[in-house]
Amino acid sequence: MPIVAQSSTETDWVSRFADDVIAESERRAPGKPVVVASGLSPSGPIHLGNLREVMTPHLVADEIRRRGHEVRHLISWDDYDRYRKVPAGVEGVDDTWAEHIGKPLTSVPAPAGSPHPNWAEHFKAAMVESLAELGVEYDPVSQTEQYTSGAYREQILHAMKNRARIDGILDQYRTKAKVQAKKQQQKPLDEAELEAAEGSGAASEDDGSGGKAGYFPYKPYCGNCEKDLTTVTEYIDATTELTYSCTACGFSETVRLSEFNRGKLVWKVDWPMRWAYEGVIFEPSGVDHSSPGSSFVVGGQIVRDVFDGVQPIGPMYAFVGISGMAKMSSSRGGVPTPADALKIMEAPLLRWLYARRKPNQSFKIAFDQEIQRLYDEWDKLESKVADGSVLPADAAAYARAARTAAGELPRTPRPLPYRTLASVVDITAGHDEQTLRILSELDPANPLSSLEEARPRLDRAENWITTQVPADARTVVRSEPDAELLGSLDDEARESLRLLLEGLDTHWSLDGLTTLVYGVPKVMAGLEPDAKPTPELKVAQRSFFALLYRLLVSRETGPRLPTLLLAVGADRVRKLLAA
């Protein structure tokens, strides 16, 4: 039975935006496809924060498709942007790449060893693959192709003709920025504020080419060195003759802008130009683009006053973090990407993290132990969906995660608990036969017949163990009994081990062993195995569990004991615990 995502607009942010976007599209462009947009810069690894730029309009577009409307989700690859700096920590890149700063991203060599033709294509490739796995349907737009083909020629000429008006609009915000800077001159910008300024283009691109000849919203790439370190020294509107000089190599030339395709509009003009050109109805923007004087705010005035267009409905989206890490930046190396996340979690879970939070709510993606709790929460949600007890907003978020308008996303046939799978592969080191033996014993009444039934979740759990869990935190089962510890046990501890070993055969399943390990301390206290725990009993249980961990894995803690016992196997447990 198909899952329906639509729910009350009072509780579902996606439906609310879909209502607004459909209504606005009918007002602006009746009878035409609804256009939503995203923009991604392949200047380095495209991280999980950037993914929100895609997932927010994707979820809205998908809801619109479910309602039977035609919709286009444009993803603009800003691959004609300048190469600003060499990102840290990128494999195959060294300081020599600094010589390419100022060139278009598609003119910069790919990192050493890459099969891709240039820098932009190298970093686009992983994202393209991830978007396919996530079920994101979109129309790609290469800004290199758009600019070099002359697609924007009329818009460029129009912007140049209206350069004084654009300069006047920008000057309003330059003045505000100066006043704000003066107010805060005693307070240095923190790292996030510097990134926001840089990310919005404030550091290098907003003012365009402004020399003695005046302001120009267009930056040519040099015909000699390909860099954008150029200054327009003259422009004649009647003939479109443009003269520029390059401060990097000293080259200068005069070209006809009506025939010239080697340059681009500065960012704060480029973005609103595209809104008008593409007829964008909905496009979100990050916090750094939504502050006073930033590109989204300024762009709203430029698109109206210069390009005779309308600013898209544009919610601000909050930052996405990683458990234990600060806000992500693609200018730094080592930030997790969607491809990294999809190695340790299934696509529906990653989609769910973006679907269940409103765009203005920040959240974190777990690469640490928290991923086990997230999977538990997801599995609980699935069970509520199945039995009909789920709340409407949760049902909508689940439906958006589990399927798109095109159909269901791939799922694991037997979704065993992620924490159990992680514990098993931790102990077996990924040995297939051992893993299958243990997993088939989890539920003897309905045993797993093949590891394929547990995939791809099993593979994700194994990747998490091998890539995210430090070697010193991995579980290593003892090969021989701890004779010294066993010899030091008192009669009570020996008796508790005897009761455990005695009950192994009759409790050999995940549920059975759970009952057994929690029940032994109860029996030792003179209670029934199903007695409710008291504070004193909980202390006794923790002490008993710590003893078992020390005897089995030489640590005070480890995987859940029932899973650990199944993984070790009854014969080996008897060998290691025989006092």
Protein backbone atom coordinates (compact mmCIF):
# COMPACT_ATOMS: atom_id res chain seq x y z
CA MET A 1 0.00 0.00 0.00
CA PRO A 2 1.58 3.35 -0.99
CA ILE A 3 2.60 5.73 1.76
CA VAL A 4 0.89 9.11 1.61
CA ALA A 5 3.04 12.00 2.77
CA GLN A 6 0.45 14.75 2.82
CA SER A 7 -0.68 15.76 6.32
CA SER A 8 -2.13 18.67 8.19
CA THR A 9 -0.39 21.88 7.24
CA GLU A 10 -0.54 22.84 10.90
CA THR A 11 2.03 20.19 11.76
CA ASP A 12 3.92 19.54 8.51
CA TRP A 13 6.33 22.23 7.31
CA VAL A 14 6.72 20.64 3.87
CA SER A 15 3.00 20.77 3.16
CA ARG A 16 2.82 24.40 4.27
CA PHE A 17 5.57 25.43 1.88
CA ALA A 18 4.06 23.31 -0.92
CA ASP A 19 0.74 25.16 -0.49
CA ASP A 20 2.50 28.53 -0.70
CA VAL A 21 4.69 27.58 -3.64
CA ILE A 22 1.81 26.17 -5.71
CA ALA A 23 -0.28 29.28 -5.06
CA GLU A 24 2.62 31.62 -5.89
CA SER A 25 3.47 29.69 -9.05
CA GLU A 26 -0.13 29.93 -10.25
CA ARG A 27 -0.04 33.67 -9.60
CA ARG A 28 3.29 34.29 -11.36
CA ALA A 29 3.32 31.68 -14.11
CA PRO A 30 -0.07 29.95 -14.47
CA GLY A 31 -0.01 26.70 -16.37
CA LYS A 32 3.78 26.40 -16.28
CA PRO A 33 5.90 23.95 -14.26
CA VAL A 34 6.66 25.02 -10.70
CA VAL A 35 10.36 25.92 -10.43
CA VAL A 36 12.37 25.39 -7.25
CA ALA A 37 16.12 25.82 -7.06
CA SER A 38 19.30 24.97 -5.20
CA GLY A 39 22.88 26.10 -5.69
CA LEU A 40 26.02 24.13 -4.92
CA SER A 41 29.63 25.21 -5.30
CA PRO A 42 32.05 22.36 -6.06
CA SER A 43 34.94 24.36 -4.60
CA GLY A 44 35.79 21.47 -2.28
CA PRO A 45 34.05 18.56 -0.55
CA ILE A 46 30.29 19.23 -0.60
CA HIS A 47 29.35 18.57 3.01
CA LEU A 48 26.20 17.64 4.92
CA GLY A 49 25.42 21.28 5.63
CA ASN A 50 25.32 21.95 1.88
CA LEU A 51 22.92 19.01 1.53
CA ARG A 52 20.23 21.05 3.31
CA GLU A 53 20.41 23.47 0.36
CA VAL A 54 19.19 20.54 -1.76
CA MET A 55 16.94 18.59 0.60
CA THR A 56 14.74 21.55 1.59
CA PRO A 57 13.53 22.31 -1.98
CA HIS A 58 13.63 18.60 -2.87
CA LEU A 59 11.13 17.71 -0.15
CA VAL A 60 8.85 20.57 -1.19
CA ALA A 61 9.16 19.66 -4.89
CA ASP A 62 8.42 16.02 -4.11
CA GLU A 63 5.28 16.98 -2.21
CA ILE A 64 4.16 19.09 -5.17
CA ARG A 65 4.75 16.11 -7.51
CA ARG A 66 2.69 13.88 -5.21
CA ARG A 67 -0.18 16.30 -5.68
CA GLY A 68 0.00 15.87 -9.45
CA HIS A 69 1.74 19.12 -10.41
CA GLU A 70 4.69 19.36 -12.79
CA VAL A 71 7.74 20.71 -11.01
CA ARG A 72 11.39 21.33 -11.90
CA HIS A 73 14.07 21.25 -9.23
CA LEU A 74 17.06 23.09 -10.66
CA ILE A 75 20.44 22.45 -9.08
CA SER A 76 22.88 25.09 -10.24
CA TRP A 77 26.45 23.91 -10.08
CA ASP A 78 28.38 27.10 -9.43
CA ASP A 79 31.36 25.65 -11.26
CA TYR A 80 32.21 28.96 -12.97
CA ASP A 81 32.95 30.59 -9.61
CA ARG A 82 36.53 31.59 -8.91
CA TYR A 83 38.86 29.18 -7.13
CA ARG A 84 39.25 31.13 -3.89
CA LYS A 85 41.71 29.11 -1.85
CA VAL A 86 43.25 25.68 -1.48
CA PRO A 87 41.07 23.68 0.92
CA ALA A 88 42.88 21.97 3.76
CA GLY A 89 43.13 18.22 4.03
CA VAL A 90 42.14 17.30 0.47
CA GLU A 91 44.06 14.24 -0.67
CA GLY A 92 46.14 14.77 -3.80
CA VAL A 93 46.37 18.54 -3.31
CA ASP A 94 49.41 20.53 -2.16
CA ASP A 95 50.51 24.15 -2.05
CA THR A 96 51.15 24.21 -5.80
CA TRP A 97 47.39 24.45 -6.34
CA ALA A 98 47.60 28.02 -5.00
CA GLU A 99 48.83 29.10 -8.45
CA HIS A 100 45.29 28.47 -9.74
CA ILE A 101 43.57 30.88 -7.33
CA GLY A 102 41.36 33.23 -9.34
CA LYS A 103 40.59 30.80 -12.16
CA PRO A 104 37.14 29.27 -12.79
CA LEU A 105 36.71 26.00 -10.89
CA THR A 106 36.38 24.17 -14.20
CA SER A 107 39.82 25.47 -15.26
CA VAL A 108 41.58 24.13 -12.16
CA PRO A 109 43.14 20.64 -12.38
CA ALA A 110 41.48 17.90 -10.37
CA PRO A 111 43.36 16.58 -7.32
CA ALA A 112 46.20 14.24 -8.23
CA GLY A 113 44.98 10.76 -9.10
CA SER A 114 41.41 11.84 -9.83
CA PRO A 115 39.75 10.40 -12.95
CA HIS A 116 37.82 13.64 -13.48
CA PRO A 117 38.83 16.38 -15.96
CA ASN A 118 38.89 19.30 -13.51
CA TRP A 119 38.42 20.45 -9.93
CA ALA A 120 34.68 21.09 -10.20
CA GLU A 121 33.87 17.75 -11.81
CA HIS A 122 35.91 15.94 -9.17
CA PHE A 123 33.86 17.34 -6.29
CA LYS A 124 30.56 17.19 -8.17
CA ALA A 125 30.92 13.46 -8.82
CA ALA A 126 30.50 12.24 -5.23
CA MET A 127 27.50 14.53 -4.70
CA VAL A 128 25.82 13.38 -7.91
CA GLU A 129 26.16 9.77 -6.75
CA SER A 130 24.81 10.61 -3.29
CA LEU A 131 21.81 12.49 -4.68
CA ALA A 132 20.93 9.47 -6.81
CA GLU A 133 21.06 7.20 -3.75
CA LEU A 134 18.89 9.67 -1.82
CA GLY A 135 16.24 9.66 -4.56
CA VAL A 136 16.63 13.36 -5.40
CA GLU A 137 15.18 14.15 -8.83
CA TYR A 138 16.61 17.34 -10.35
CA ASP A 139 17.70 19.20 -13.47
CA PRO A 140 21.43 20.02 -13.32
CA VAL A 141 22.59 23.43 -14.55
CA SER A 142 26.31 24.05 -15.08
CA GLN A 143 27.08 27.74 -14.72
CA THR A 144 30.25 27.21 -16.78
CA GLU A 145 28.08 26.00 -19.65
CA GLN A 146 25.57 28.81 -19.17
CA TYR A 147 28.14 31.59 -19.18
CA THR A 148 30.50 30.22 -21.84
CA SER A 149 27.63 29.41 -24.23
CA GLY A 150 26.32 32.97 -24.06
CA ALA A 151 23.02 31.93 -22.47
CA TYR A 152 23.12 34.96 -20.16
CA ARG A 153 24.40 37.47 -22.74
CA GLU A 154 21.28 39.64 -22.74
CA GLN A 155 21.18 39.63 -18.94
CA ILE A 156 24.86 40.62 -18.74
CA LEU A 157 24.41 43.48 -21.18
CA HIS A 158 21.33 44.59 -19.27
CA ALA A 159 23.23 44.56 -15.98
CA MET A 160 26.09 46.56 -17.51
CA LYS A 161 23.63 49.11 -18.90
CA ASN A 162 22.08 49.42 -15.42
CA ARG A 163 25.37 49.41 -13.55
CA ALA A 164 24.73 52.76 -11.90
CA ARG A 165 21.41 51.56 -10.53
CA ILE A 166 23.04 48.35 -9.23
CA ASP A 167 25.88 50.34 -7.69
CA GLY A 168 23.34 52.58 -5.96
CA ILE A 169 21.52 49.58 -4.47
CA LEU A 170 24.76 48.00 -3.29
CA ASP A 171 25.91 51.31 -1.88
CA GLN A 172 22.92 51.44 0.44
CA TYR A 173 24.08 48.20 1.99
CA ARG A 174 27.76 49.12 1.91
CA THR A 175 26.90 52.14 4.05
CA LYS A 176 24.89 49.98 6.44
CA ALA A 177 27.75 47.50 6.63
CA LYS A 178 30.24 50.28 7.43
CA VAL A 179 27.99 51.62 10.19
CA GLN A 180 27.54 48.14 11.59
CA ALA A 181 31.27 47.48 11.40
CA LYS A 182 31.99 50.73 13.21
CA LYS A 183 29.56 49.76 15.96
CA GLN A 184 31.32 46.45 16.36
CA GLN A 185 34.89 47.65 15.83
CA GLN A 186 35.77 46.75 19.42
CA LYS A 187 34.55 43.21 18.83
CA PRO A 188 36.61 41.02 16.47
CA LEU A 189 34.70 38.74 14.14
CA ASP A 190 34.63 35.14 15.27
CA GLU A 191 35.36 32.28 12.90
CA ALA A 192 31.70 31.69 11.99
CA GLU A 193 31.16 35.38 11.21
CA LEU A 194 34.25 35.48 9.02
CA GLU A 195 33.01 32.43 7.13
CA ALA A 196 29.58 34.00 6.73
CA ALA A 197 31.12 37.16 5.28
CA GLU A 198 33.32 35.16 2.97
CA GLY A 199 30.54 32.76 1.97
CA SER A 200 28.22 35.60 1.01
CA GLY A 201 30.87 37.11 -1.24
CA ALA A 202 31.34 40.14 0.96
CA ALA A 203 35.08 39.63 1.11
CA SER A 204 35.80 39.69 -2.60
CA GLU A 205 32.91 39.73 -5.04
CA ASP A 206 30.10 42.06 -4.02
CA ASP A 207 31.55 45.29 -5.35
CA GLY A 208 32.51 43.92 -8.73
CA SER A 209 35.09 45.69 -10.85
CA GLY A 210 35.42 49.22 -9.56
CA GLY A 211 38.40 51.22 -10.80
CA LYS A 212 38.84 54.75 -12.09
CA ALA A 213 36.31 54.00 -14.81
CA GLY A 214 33.59 53.40 -12.21
CA TYR A 215 31.59 50.41 -11.07
CA PHE A 216 30.95 47.34 -13.22
CA PRO A 217 28.96 44.27 -12.12
CA TYR A 218 30.92 42.00 -14.46
CA LYS A 219 34.32 40.37 -14.00
CA PRO A 220 36.17 39.04 -17.06
CA TYR A 221 38.44 36.05 -16.71
CA CYS A 222 41.84 37.00 -18.15
CA GLY A 223 42.49 35.84 -21.70
CA ASN A 224 46.10 35.05 -20.79
CA CYS A 225 46.20 33.57 -17.26
CA GLU A 226 42.46 32.77 -16.91
CA LYS A 227 42.22 34.51 -13.53
CA ASP A 228 39.58 37.01 -12.50
CA LEU A 229 42.10 39.46 -11.03
CA THR A 230 40.97 41.93 -13.65
CA THR A 231 39.75 45.52 -13.71
CA VAL A 232 37.43 46.93 -16.34
CA THR A 233 39.00 50.18 -17.49
CA GLU A 234 36.44 51.20 -20.10
CA TYR A 235 33.02 50.13 -21.36
CA ILE A 236 31.03 51.65 -24.21
CA ASP A 237 27.32 50.84 -24.04
CA ALA A 238 26.63 51.60 -27.71
CA THR A 239 29.22 49.17 -29.05
CA THR A 240 29.54 46.91 -25.94
CA GLU A 241 33.31 47.32 -26.24
CA LEU A 242 34.93 46.42 -22.94
CA THR A 243 38.57 46.97 -22.05
CA TYR A 244 40.12 45.28 -19.06
CA SER A 245 43.56 44.73 -17.59
CA CYS A 246 44.80 41.87 -15.43
CA THR A 247 46.68 42.65 -12.23
CA ALA A 248 48.03 39.09 -12.07
CA CYS A 249 49.90 38.91 -15.38
CA GLY A 250 49.63 42.43 -16.85
CA PHE A 251 47.60 41.29 -19.87
CA SER A 252 44.96 43.65 -21.27
CA GLU A 253 42.59 43.55 -24.21
CA THR A 254 39.46 45.10 -25.67
CA VAL A 255 36.53 42.79 -26.50
CA ARG A 256 32.90 43.12 -27.54
CA LEU A 257 30.81 41.99 -24.60
CA SER A 258 28.03 41.10 -27.03
CA GLU A 259 30.35 38.36 -28.33
CA PHE A 260 32.51 37.67 -25.29
CA ASN A 261 31.78 34.62 -23.10
CA ARG A 262 34.72 34.52 -20.67
CA GLY A 263 33.52 36.17 -17.48
CA LYS A 264 30.58 36.35 -15.11
CA LEU A 265 28.38 38.68 -13.14
CA VAL A 266 29.43 39.22 -9.53
CA TRP A 267 27.56 37.06 -7.05
CA LYS A 268 25.09 39.62 -5.69
CA VAL A 269 23.99 40.36 -9.25
CA ASP A 270 24.36 36.85 -10.63
CA TRP A 271 21.95 35.27 -8.15
CA PRO A 272 18.98 37.63 -8.70
CA MET A 273 19.64 37.54 -12.44
CA ARG A 274 19.13 33.76 -12.33
CA TRP A 275 15.94 34.08 -10.28
CA ALA A 276 14.44 36.18 -13.06
CA TYR A 277 15.96 34.13 -15.91
CA GLU A 278 14.74 30.78 -14.54
CA GLY A 279 11.49 31.97 -12.96
CA VAL A 280 12.38 30.51 -9.56
CA ILE A 281 9.45 30.33 -7.13
CA PHE A 282 11.18 28.67 -4.18
CA GLU A 283 14.83 28.68 -3.12
CA PRO A 284 16.10 28.51 0.48
CA SER A 285 19.27 30.15 1.69
CA GLY A 286 21.63 29.61 4.59
CA VAL A 287 21.98 31.86 7.59
CA ASP A 288 25.05 33.49 6.02
CA HIS A 289 22.98 34.59 2.99
CA SER A 290 20.01 35.86 4.98
CA SER A 291 21.52 38.43 7.34
CA PRO A 292 21.00 42.18 6.72
CA GLY A 293 23.07 43.29 3.72
CA SER A 294 23.72 39.73 2.56
CA SER A 295 23.19 38.39 -0.92
CA PHE A 296 19.60 37.18 -0.46
CA VAL A 297 18.47 40.50 1.02
CA VAL A 298 20.29 42.64 -1.56
CA GLY A 299 19.25 40.27 -4.33
CA GLY A 300 15.60 40.83 -3.53
CA GLN A 301 15.94 44.52 -4.40
CA ILE A 302 18.15 43.92 -7.46
CA VAL A 303 15.84 41.31 -9.00
CA ARG A 304 12.90 43.71 -8.65
CA ASP A 305 14.54 47.00 -9.61
CA VAL A 306 16.96 45.78 -12.29
CA PHE A 307 15.69 42.52 -13.77
CA ASP A 308 11.95 43.14 -13.37
CA GLY A 309 11.59 39.84 -11.53
CA VAL A 310 10.31 38.58 -8.20
CA GLN A 311 12.36 37.18 -5.36
CA PRO A 312 11.62 33.51 -4.61
CA ILE A 313 9.94 32.33 -1.45
CA GLY A 314 13.13 31.80 0.47
CA PRO A 315 13.18 30.28 3.95
CA MET A 316 16.39 30.58 5.89
CA TYR A 317 17.83 27.23 6.84
CA ALA A 318 19.92 26.66 9.94
CA PHE A 319 23.29 24.96 10.17
CA VAL A 320 23.76 21.21 10.27
CA GLY A 321 26.38 19.87 12.65
CA ILE A 322 28.05 16.59 13.42
CA SER A 323 28.08 15.02 16.86
CA GLY A 324 31.23 16.30 18.54
CA MET A 325 32.13 18.73 15.72
CA ALA A 326 31.60 22.45 15.12
CA LYS A 327 29.69 23.96 12.20
CA MET A 328 30.92 22.54 8.93
CA SER A 329 32.81 24.47 6.30
CA SER A 330 33.72 23.18 2.84
CA SER A 331 36.86 25.32 2.92
CA ARG A 332 38.30 22.97 5.54
CA GLY A 333 39.31 19.39 4.99
CA GLY A 334 37.84 16.45 6.85
CA VAL A 335 34.21 17.60 6.97
CA PRO A 336 31.74 14.73 6.47
CA THR A 337 29.94 14.61 3.13
CA PRO A 338 26.66 12.94 2.16
CA ALA A 339 28.75 10.10 0.74
CA ASP A 340 30.38 9.64 4.15
CA ALA A 341 26.99 9.56 5.87
CA LEU A 342 25.57 7.07 3.37
CA LYS A 343 28.39 4.68 4.17
CA ILE A 344 27.12 4.33 7.74
CA MET A 345 23.37 4.92 7.40
CA GLU A 346 20.69 4.01 4.92
CA ALA A 347 19.29 6.70 2.64
CA PRO A 348 15.81 6.82 4.28
CA LEU A 349 17.35 7.57 7.68
CA LEU A 350 19.47 10.41 6.28
CA ARG A 351 16.42 11.82 4.45
CA TRP A 352 14.43 11.62 7.68
CA LEU A 353 16.91 13.78 9.55
CA TYR A 354 16.27 16.61 7.08
CA ALA A 355 12.51 15.98 6.74
CA ARG A 356 11.59 15.97 10.41
CA ARG A 357 13.10 19.37 11.27
CA LYS A 358 11.85 22.72 10.00
CA PRO A 359 14.44 24.51 7.86
CA ASN A 360 15.13 27.08 10.59
CA GLN A 361 15.88 24.38 13.16
CA SER A 362 19.49 23.25 13.44
CA PHE A 363 20.29 19.61 14.06
CA LYS A 364 23.24 17.24 14.24
CA ILE A 365 24.06 14.12 12.27
CA ALA A 366 25.58 11.37 14.35
CA PHE A 367 28.83 9.71 13.39
CA ASP A 368 29.42 8.56 16.98
CA GLN A 369 27.50 6.23 19.32
CA GLU A 370 24.44 8.48 18.90
CA ILE A 371 23.76 6.80 15.54
CA GLN A 372 22.57 3.72 17.44
CA ARG A 373 19.96 5.78 19.29
CA LEU A 374 18.86 7.42 16.02
CA TYR A 375 18.32 4.01 14.45
CA ASP A 376 16.35 2.87 17.52
CA GLU A 377 14.16 5.95 17.13
CA TRP A 378 13.70 5.26 13.41
CA ASP A 379 12.74 1.63 14.05
CA LYS A 380 10.27 2.69 16.72
CA LEU A 381 8.75 5.15 14.25
CA GLU A 382 8.41 2.37 11.66
CA SER A 383 6.58 0.18 14.15
CA LYS A 384 4.18 3.03 14.98
CA VAL A 385 3.53 3.58 11.27
CA ALA A 386 2.79 -0.14 10.92
CA ASP A 387 0.33 -0.30 13.83
CA GLY A 388 -1.34 3.03 13.08
CA SER A 389 -0.37 4.77 16.33
CA VAL A 390 1.91 7.34 14.66
CA LEU A 391 1.17 11.08 14.91
CA PRO A 392 0.33 12.87 11.62
CA ALA A 393 3.50 14.99 11.43
CA ASP A 394 5.69 11.97 12.22
CA ALA A 395 3.85 9.92 9.60
CA ALA A 396 4.48 12.62 7.00
CA ALA A 397 8.20 12.84 7.86
CA TYR A 398 8.49 9.05 7.68
CA ALA A 399 6.71 8.89 4.31
CA ARG A 400 8.99 11.59 2.87
CA ALA A 401 12.02 9.65 4.10
CA ALA A 402 10.95 6.19 2.97
CA ARG A 403 9.77 7.08 -0.53
CA THR A 404 9.55 9.81 -3.14
CA ALA A 405 6.80 10.53 -5.64
CA ALA A 406 8.63 8.10 -7.95
CA GLY A 407 8.44 5.19 -5.52
CA GLU A 408 9.93 3.44 -2.51
CA LEU A 409 13.61 3.78 -1.67
CA PRO A 410 15.52 0.51 -1.25
CA ARG A 411 15.14 -0.95 2.23
CA THR A 412 16.55 -3.77 4.32
CA PRO A 413 14.25 -6.85 4.19
CA ARG A 414 14.98 -7.79 7.83
CA PRO A 415 15.84 -4.52 9.63
CA LEU A 416 17.55 -5.95 12.70
CA PRO A 417 18.54 -3.39 15.37
CA TYR A 418 21.53 -1.35 14.19
CA ARG A 419 23.21 -1.54 17.59
CA THR A 420 22.94 -5.35 17.49
CA LEU A 421 24.43 -5.52 14.00
CA ALA A 422 27.24 -3.18 15.02
CA SER A 423 28.04 -5.30 18.07
CA VAL A 424 28.08 -8.49 16.04
CA VAL A 425 30.38 -7.21 13.29
CA ASP A 426 32.57 -5.64 15.95
CA ILE A 427 33.07 -9.01 17.60
CA THR A 428 33.31 -11.11 14.43
CA ALA A 429 35.44 -8.55 12.55
CA GLY A 430 33.05 -8.95 9.64
CA HIS A 431 33.47 -12.72 9.25
CA ASP A 432 30.39 -13.69 7.22
CA GLU A 433 29.90 -17.24 8.53
CA GLN A 434 30.28 -16.17 12.13
CA THR A 435 28.00 -13.20 11.57
CA LEU A 436 25.29 -15.34 9.98
CA ARG A 437 25.52 -17.89 12.83
CA ILE A 438 24.99 -15.20 15.44
CA LEU A 439 22.26 -13.33 13.60
CA SER A 440 20.36 -16.56 12.90
CA GLU A 441 20.33 -17.27 16.66
CA LEU A 442 18.80 -13.91 17.59
CA ASP A 443 15.30 -15.24 16.99
CA PRO A 444 15.33 -19.08 16.75
CA ALA A 445 11.62 -19.10 15.85
CA ASN A 446 12.33 -16.99 12.75
CA PRO A 447 16.02 -17.44 11.96
CA LEU A 448 17.87 -15.34 9.41
CA SER A 449 18.64 -17.55 6.42
CA SER A 450 21.03 -15.24 4.56
CA LEU A 451 23.02 -12.09 5.28
CA GLU A 452 21.33 -10.52 2.26
CA GLU A 453 18.18 -10.27 4.36
CA ALA A 454 20.04 -7.93 6.74
CA ARG A 455 21.60 -5.79 4.02
CA PRO A 456 22.20 -2.93 3.36
CA ARG A 457 21.81 -2.11 7.08
CA LEU A 458 24.39 -4.73 8.02
CA ASP A 459 26.93 -3.17 5.64
CA ARG A 460 26.26 0.29 7.08
CA ALA A 461 26.81 -0.97 10.62
CA GLU A 462 30.04 -2.69 9.59
CA ASN A 463 31.27 0.51 7.92
CA TRP A 464 30.47 2.45 11.08
CA ILE A 465 32.48 0.04 13.22
CA THR A 466 35.48 0.00 10.89
CA THR A 467 35.60 3.74 10.06
CA GLN A 468 34.18 5.56 13.09
CA VAL A 469 35.00 3.46 16.16
CA PRO A 470 38.61 3.90 17.37
CA ALA A 471 40.73 0.77 17.42
CA ASP A 472 41.14 0.94 21.19
CA ALA A 473 37.34 0.98 21.57
CA ARG A 474 36.81 -2.16 19.49
CA THR A 475 35.73 -5.37 21.21
CA VAL A 476 38.31 -8.15 21.47
CA VAL A 477 37.09 -11.36 23.09
CA ARG A 478 39.62 -13.11 25.31
CA SER A 479 41.22 -16.22 23.87
CA GLU A 480 41.92 -17.76 27.30
CA PRO A 481 40.18 -17.50 30.69
CA ASP A 482 41.38 -14.83 33.11
CA ALA A 483 42.69 -17.35 35.67
CA GLU A 484 43.79 -14.68 38.12
CA LEU A 485 40.40 -12.97 38.19
CA LEU A 486 38.51 -16.26 38.33
CA GLY A 487 40.70 -17.41 41.21
CA SER A 488 39.98 -14.26 43.20
CA LEU A 489 36.17 -14.56 43.08
CA ASP A 490 34.17 -15.09 46.24
CA ASP A 491 31.45 -17.72 46.60
CA GLU A 492 28.66 -15.30 45.65
CA ALA A 493 30.33 -14.31 42.39
CA ARG A 494 31.05 -17.97 41.56
CA GLU A 495 27.43 -18.87 42.19
CA SER A 496 26.20 -16.10 39.90
CA LEU A 497 28.43 -17.43 37.11
CA ARG A 498 27.15 -20.95 37.72
CA LEU A 499 23.52 -19.80 37.41
CA LEU A 500 24.34 -18.01 34.15
CA LEU A 501 26.08 -21.01 32.62
CA GLU A 502 23.34 -23.32 33.78
CA GLY A 503 20.72 -21.28 31.96
CA LEU A 504 22.54 -20.80 28.65
CA ASP A 505 20.98 -23.73 26.79
CA THR A 506 17.39 -22.88 27.74
CA HIS A 507 17.81 -19.15 27.09
CA TRP A 508 19.87 -19.18 23.88
CA SER A 509 18.20 -16.33 21.96
CA LEU A 510 18.46 -12.57 22.20
CA ASP A 511 15.32 -12.25 24.33
CA GLY A 512 16.16 -15.33 26.38
CA LEU A 513 19.67 -14.18 27.22
CA THR A 514 18.34 -10.73 28.09
CA THR A 515 16.03 -12.35 30.64
CA LEU A 516 18.88 -14.52 31.92
CA VAL A 517 21.55 -11.87 32.48
CA TYR A 518 19.11 -9.52 34.20
CA GLY A 519 17.56 -12.40 36.15
CA VAL A 520 20.69 -13.90 37.74
CA PRO A 521 21.20 -10.99 40.21
CA LYS A 522 17.49 -11.21 41.10
CA VAL A 523 17.75 -14.90 41.91
CA MET A 524 20.92 -14.24 43.90
CA ALA A 525 18.90 -11.70 45.92
CA GLY A 526 16.20 -14.29 46.62
CA LEU A 527 13.73 -12.78 44.12
CA GLU A 528 11.85 -14.20 41.17
CA PRO A 529 13.54 -13.73 37.75
CA ASP A 530 10.71 -11.43 36.65
CA ALA A 531 10.76 -9.27 39.81
CA LYS A 532 10.76 -5.51 39.29
CA PRO A 533 14.19 -3.98 39.87
CA THR A 534 14.92 -1.93 42.98
CA PRO A 535 17.76 0.59 43.37
CA GLU A 536 19.75 -2.02 45.28
CA LEU A 537 19.08 -4.64 42.64
CA LYS A 538 20.25 -2.29 39.87
CA VAL A 539 23.55 -1.86 41.71
CA ALA A 540 23.91 -5.67 41.91
CA GLN A 541 23.12 -6.01 38.20
CA ARG A 542 25.74 -3.42 37.22
CA SER A 543 28.32 -5.23 39.34
CA PHE A 544 27.44 -8.56 37.73
CA PHE A 545 27.59 -7.07 34.22
CA ALA A 546 31.01 -5.52 34.92
CA LEU A 547 32.31 -8.93 36.05
CA LEU A 548 31.08 -10.59 32.85
CA TYR A 549 32.69 -7.90 30.69
CA ARG A 550 36.01 -8.26 32.48
CA LEU A 551 35.98 -12.03 32.05
CA LEU A 552 34.89 -11.92 28.39
CA VAL A 553 36.57 -8.81 26.92
CA SER A 554 38.91 -7.54 29.68
CA ARG A 555 36.97 -4.26 30.03
CA GLU A 556 34.33 -2.86 32.35
CA THR A 557 31.89 -2.23 29.48
CA GLY A 558 31.19 -3.43 25.96
CA PRO A 559 28.38 -4.42 23.57
CA ARG A 560 25.05 -5.37 25.11
CA LEU A 561 25.66 -8.57 27.03
CA PRO A 562 22.97 -10.71 25.35
CA THR A 563 24.45 -9.83 21.94
CA LEU A 564 27.98 -10.39 23.23
CA LEU A 565 27.11 -13.83 24.61
CA LEU A 566 25.49 -14.86 21.32
CA ALA A 567 28.52 -13.63 19.41
CA VAL A 568 31.02 -15.43 21.63
CA GLY A 569 29.07 -18.69 21.43
CA ALA A 570 27.94 -21.00 24.23
CA ASP A 571 31.03 -23.24 24.25
CA ARG A 572 33.45 -20.33 24.42
CA VAL A 573 31.37 -18.58 27.08
CA ARG A 574 31.58 -21.72 29.22
CA LYS A 575 35.34 -21.86 28.73
CA LEU A 576 35.88 -18.23 29.72
CA LEU A 577 33.48 -18.19 32.68
CA ALA A 578 34.18 -21.59 34.23
CA ALA A 579 35.38 -20.74 37.73
